[in-house]
Amino acid sequence: MRPHPELRQAATEGTETAGADMNPGDQAPPGSPQTGENVCRDCLGKGIRADGSRCETCGGTGKVIELVGDA
């Protein structure tokens, strides 16, 4: 599932640090309305891929931020 383009753009506009907490697999910045944490599908929530490397999708957290509800 791809990040929502408007939320991704809003997260990176403004200051240089805006959106710094977002990982490539996040659909929106943490704490955004109508979002929640979900298990990263690439590493199955472990933060580490099968080859032992850090999961870049979730930044090694094992979690991604996804849109929920009627967003």
Protein backbone atom coordinates (compact mmCIF):
# COMPACT_ATOMS: atom_id res chain seq x y z
CA MET A 1 0.00 0.00 0.00
CA ARG A 2 1.46 3.36 -1.01
CA PRO A 3 1.64 6.41 1.27
CA HIS A 4 -1.14 8.91 0.73
CA PRO A 5 0.52 11.60 -1.47
CA GLU A 6 -1.09 14.59 0.26
CA LEU A 7 -0.11 13.41 3.73
CA ARG A 8 3.41 12.55 2.59
CA GLN A 9 3.75 16.03 1.04
CA ALA A 10 2.32 17.76 4.12
CA ALA A 11 4.76 15.86 6.32
CA THR A 12 7.74 17.08 4.35
CA GLU A 13 6.72 20.72 3.89
CA GLY A 14 7.60 23.53 6.26
CA THR A 15 10.66 22.92 8.38
CA GLU A 16 13.59 20.75 7.47
CA THR A 17 12.74 18.31 10.26
CA ALA A 18 9.06 17.91 9.35
CA GLY A 19 8.35 14.28 8.57
CA ALA A 20 11.65 13.16 10.09
CA ASP A 21 9.81 10.51 12.13
CA MET A 22 8.30 8.92 9.04
CA ASN A 23 9.66 5.70 7.63
CA PRO A 24 9.27 4.67 3.98
CA GLY A 25 6.38 2.32 4.87
CA ASP A 26 4.38 4.99 6.73
CA GLN A 27 1.32 6.40 5.01
CA ALA A 28 1.22 9.46 7.29
CA PRO A 29 3.22 11.05 10.12
CA PRO A 30 2.78 9.48 13.57
CA GLY A 31 -0.10 11.03 15.48
CA SER A 32 -1.98 12.17 12.37
CA PRO A 33 -5.78 11.99 12.54
CA GLN A 34 -7.35 8.71 11.41
CA THR A 35 -4.08 6.76 11.55
CA GLY A 36 -2.84 3.87 13.62
CA GLU A 37 0.10 1.53 13.99
CA ASN A 38 0.16 -1.74 12.13
CA VAL A 39 2.65 -4.57 11.85
CA CYS A 40 5.16 -4.07 9.05
CA ARG A 41 4.36 -6.53 6.28
CA ASP A 42 7.94 -6.71 5.02
CA CYS A 43 9.52 -7.92 8.27
CA LEU A 44 6.37 -9.30 9.93
CA GLY A 45 6.85 -6.96 12.90
CA LYS A 46 10.39 -8.07 13.74
CA GLY A 47 12.24 -5.02 12.44
CA ILE A 48 14.76 -7.34 10.80
CA ARG A 49 14.45 -8.96 7.39
CA ALA A 50 15.01 -12.65 6.72
CA ASP A 51 18.60 -11.93 5.64
CA GLY A 52 19.36 -10.34 9.03
CA SER A 53 19.44 -6.75 7.78
CA ARG A 54 17.44 -3.93 9.33
CA CYS A 55 14.05 -3.47 7.71
CA GLU A 56 14.07 -0.20 5.81
CA THR A 57 10.29 -0.17 5.35
CA CYS A 58 9.61 0.34 9.06
CA GLY A 59 13.00 1.69 10.07
CA GLY A 60 13.63 -1.35 12.25
CA THR A 61 10.63 -0.72 14.52
CA GLY A 62 8.45 -3.52 13.18
CA LYS A 63 5.56 -1.05 12.90
CA VAL A 64 4.18 1.26 10.20
CA ILE A 65 1.63 4.09 10.41
CA GLU A 66 -1.43 3.44 8.24
CA LEU A 67 -4.63 5.25 7.45
CA VAL A 68 -7.70 3.82 9.20
CA GLY A 69 -11.38 4.66 9.17
CA ASP A 70 -12.93 6.68 6.39
CA ALA A 71 -9.81 8.69 5.58
